[in-house]
Amino acid sequence: MEDFTWQPLAKWLILIGAVTLLIGVALLFLDKIPYIGRLPGDVLIRKKNFIFYFPITTLILLNLLLLLISWLWRK
């Protein structure tokens, strides 16, 4: 019988928990970062009983930032 260890699963769960914690902390302080979500190109439509918000420019900039970080990580 092969030896079974929980260590790889435990490491993944710790990593997922740490990433979730970082995302939660970032969401708490997101409104204090200037211009995030208020850039030119972010779509905001307000009607009488309806609000539609799509931060397309912010998403593109965050995508480029994550792409740069992942590129630097691999290098």
C-alpha atoms as a PDB file:
ATOM      1  CA  MET A   1       0.000   0.000   0.000  1.00  0.00           C
ATOM      2  CA  GLU A   2       1.304   3.440  -0.929  1.00  0.00           C
ATOM      3  CA  ASP A   3       1.842   6.091   1.701  1.00  0.00           C
ATOM      4  CA  PHE A   4      -0.780   8.796   1.495  1.00  0.00           C
ATOM      5  CA  THR A   5      -0.019  12.270   2.748  1.00  0.00           C
ATOM      6  CA  TRP A   6      -2.280  15.261   3.204  1.00  0.00           C
ATOM      7  CA  GLN A   7       0.554  17.772   2.818  1.00  0.00           C
ATOM      8  CA  PRO A   8      -0.086  18.786  -0.818  1.00  0.00           C
ATOM      9  CA  LEU A   9      -3.794  19.345  -0.131  1.00  0.00           C
ATOM     10  CA  ALA A  10      -2.998  21.256   3.049  1.00  0.00           C
ATOM     11  CA  LYS A  11      -0.564  23.526   1.208  1.00  0.00           C
ATOM     12  CA  TRP A  12      -3.135  24.264  -1.504  1.00  0.00           C
ATOM     13  CA  LEU A  13      -5.822  25.047   1.071  1.00  0.00           C
ATOM     14  CA  ILE A  14      -3.467  27.403   2.906  1.00  0.00           C
ATOM     15  CA  LEU A  15      -2.615  29.129  -0.385  1.00  0.00           C
ATOM     16  CA  ILE A  16      -6.283  29.476  -1.326  1.00  0.00           C
ATOM     17  CA  GLY A  17      -7.036  30.863   2.142  1.00  0.00           C
ATOM     18  CA  ALA A  18      -4.202  33.389   1.910  1.00  0.00           C
ATOM     19  CA  VAL A  19      -5.326  34.551  -1.529  1.00  0.00           C
ATOM     20  CA  THR A  20      -8.921  34.866  -0.294  1.00  0.00           C
ATOM     21  CA  LEU A  21      -7.716  36.893   2.694  1.00  0.00           C
ATOM     22  CA  LEU A  22      -5.702  39.232   0.455  1.00  0.00           C
ATOM     23  CA  ILE A  23      -8.683  39.742  -1.847  1.00  0.00           C
ATOM     24  CA  GLY A  24     -10.906  40.505   1.146  1.00  0.00           C
ATOM     25  CA  VAL A  25      -8.471  43.063   2.546  1.00  0.00           C
ATOM     26  CA  ALA A  26      -8.096  44.644  -0.902  1.00  0.00           C
ATOM     27  CA  LEU A  27     -11.875  44.948  -1.199  1.00  0.00           C
ATOM     28  CA  LEU A  28     -12.034  46.703   2.174  1.00  0.00           C
ATOM     29  CA  PHE A  29      -9.588  49.382   1.053  1.00  0.00           C
ATOM     30  CA  LEU A  30     -10.565  49.549  -2.630  1.00  0.00           C
ATOM     31  CA  ASP A  31     -12.688  52.673  -2.206  1.00  0.00           C
ATOM     32  CA  LYS A  32      -9.721  54.522  -0.675  1.00  0.00           C
ATOM     33  CA  ILE A  33      -7.562  54.044  -3.789  1.00  0.00           C
ATOM     34  CA  PRO A  34      -8.091  57.111  -5.995  1.00  0.00           C
ATOM     35  CA  TYR A  35      -9.492  56.703  -9.506  1.00  0.00           C
ATOM     36  CA  ILE A  36     -10.070  52.942  -9.236  1.00  0.00           C
ATOM     37  CA  GLY A  37     -13.481  52.415 -10.771  1.00  0.00           C
ATOM     38  CA  ARG A  38     -13.766  56.042 -11.874  1.00  0.00           C
ATOM     39  CA  LEU A  39     -11.508  56.076 -14.917  1.00  0.00           C
ATOM     40  CA  PRO A  40     -12.556  57.440 -18.298  1.00  0.00           C
ATOM     41  CA  GLY A  41     -14.137  54.562 -20.186  1.00  0.00           C
ATOM     42  CA  ASP A  42     -15.804  52.997 -17.154  1.00  0.00           C
ATOM     43  CA  VAL A  43     -19.503  52.647 -17.957  1.00  0.00           C
ATOM     44  CA  LEU A  44     -22.074  53.927 -15.453  1.00  0.00           C
ATOM     45  CA  ILE A  45     -25.736  54.089 -16.433  1.00  0.00           C
ATOM     46  CA  ARG A  46     -28.237  55.414 -13.894  1.00  0.00           C
ATOM     47  CA  LYS A  47     -31.964  55.207 -14.501  1.00  0.00           C
ATOM     48  CA  LYS A  48     -34.884  55.696 -12.176  1.00  0.00           C
ATOM     49  CA  ASN A  49     -34.803  52.242 -10.538  1.00  0.00           C
ATOM     50  CA  PHE A  50     -31.708  50.812 -12.199  1.00  0.00           C
ATOM     51  CA  ILE A  51     -27.942  51.241 -11.976  1.00  0.00           C
ATOM     52  CA  PHE A  52     -25.550  49.490 -14.355  1.00  0.00           C
ATOM     53  CA  TYR A  53     -21.833  49.769 -13.731  1.00  0.00           C
ATOM     54  CA  PHE A  54     -19.117  48.139 -15.834  1.00  0.00           C
ATOM     55  CA  PRO A  55     -15.560  49.325 -15.071  1.00  0.00           C
ATOM     56  CA  ILE A  56     -14.041  48.278 -18.410  1.00  0.00           C
ATOM     57  CA  THR A  57     -11.016  50.613 -18.299  1.00  0.00           C
ATOM     58  CA  THR A  58     -10.216  49.642 -14.721  1.00  0.00           C
ATOM     59  CA  LEU A  59     -10.461  45.951 -15.640  1.00  0.00           C
ATOM     60  CA  ILE A  60      -8.122  46.421 -18.596  1.00  0.00           C
ATOM     61  CA  LEU A  61      -5.533  48.191 -16.411  1.00  0.00           C
ATOM     62  CA  LEU A  62      -5.761  45.509 -13.706  1.00  0.00           C
ATOM     63  CA  ASN A  63      -5.415  42.827 -16.377  1.00  0.00           C
ATOM     64  CA  LEU A  64      -2.260  44.500 -17.719  1.00  0.00           C
ATOM     65  CA  LEU A  65      -0.873  44.792 -14.184  1.00  0.00           C
ATOM     66  CA  LEU A  66      -1.505  41.091 -13.483  1.00  0.00           C
ATOM     67  CA  LEU A  67       0.025  40.196 -16.843  1.00  0.00           C
ATOM     68  CA  LEU A  68       3.153  42.185 -15.978  1.00  0.00           C
ATOM     69  CA  ILE A  69       3.392  40.549 -12.547  1.00  0.00           C
ATOM     70  CA  SER A  70       3.006  37.055 -14.019  1.00  0.00           C
ATOM     71  CA  TRP A  71       5.599  37.834 -16.715  1.00  0.00           C
ATOM     72  CA  LEU A  72       8.073  39.058 -14.089  1.00  0.00           C
ATOM     73  CA  TRP A  73       7.332  36.018 -11.912  1.00  0.00           C
ATOM     74  CA  ARG A  74       8.250  33.620 -14.739  1.00  0.00           C
ATOM     75  CA  LYS A  75      11.450  35.475 -15.594  1.00  0.00           C
END
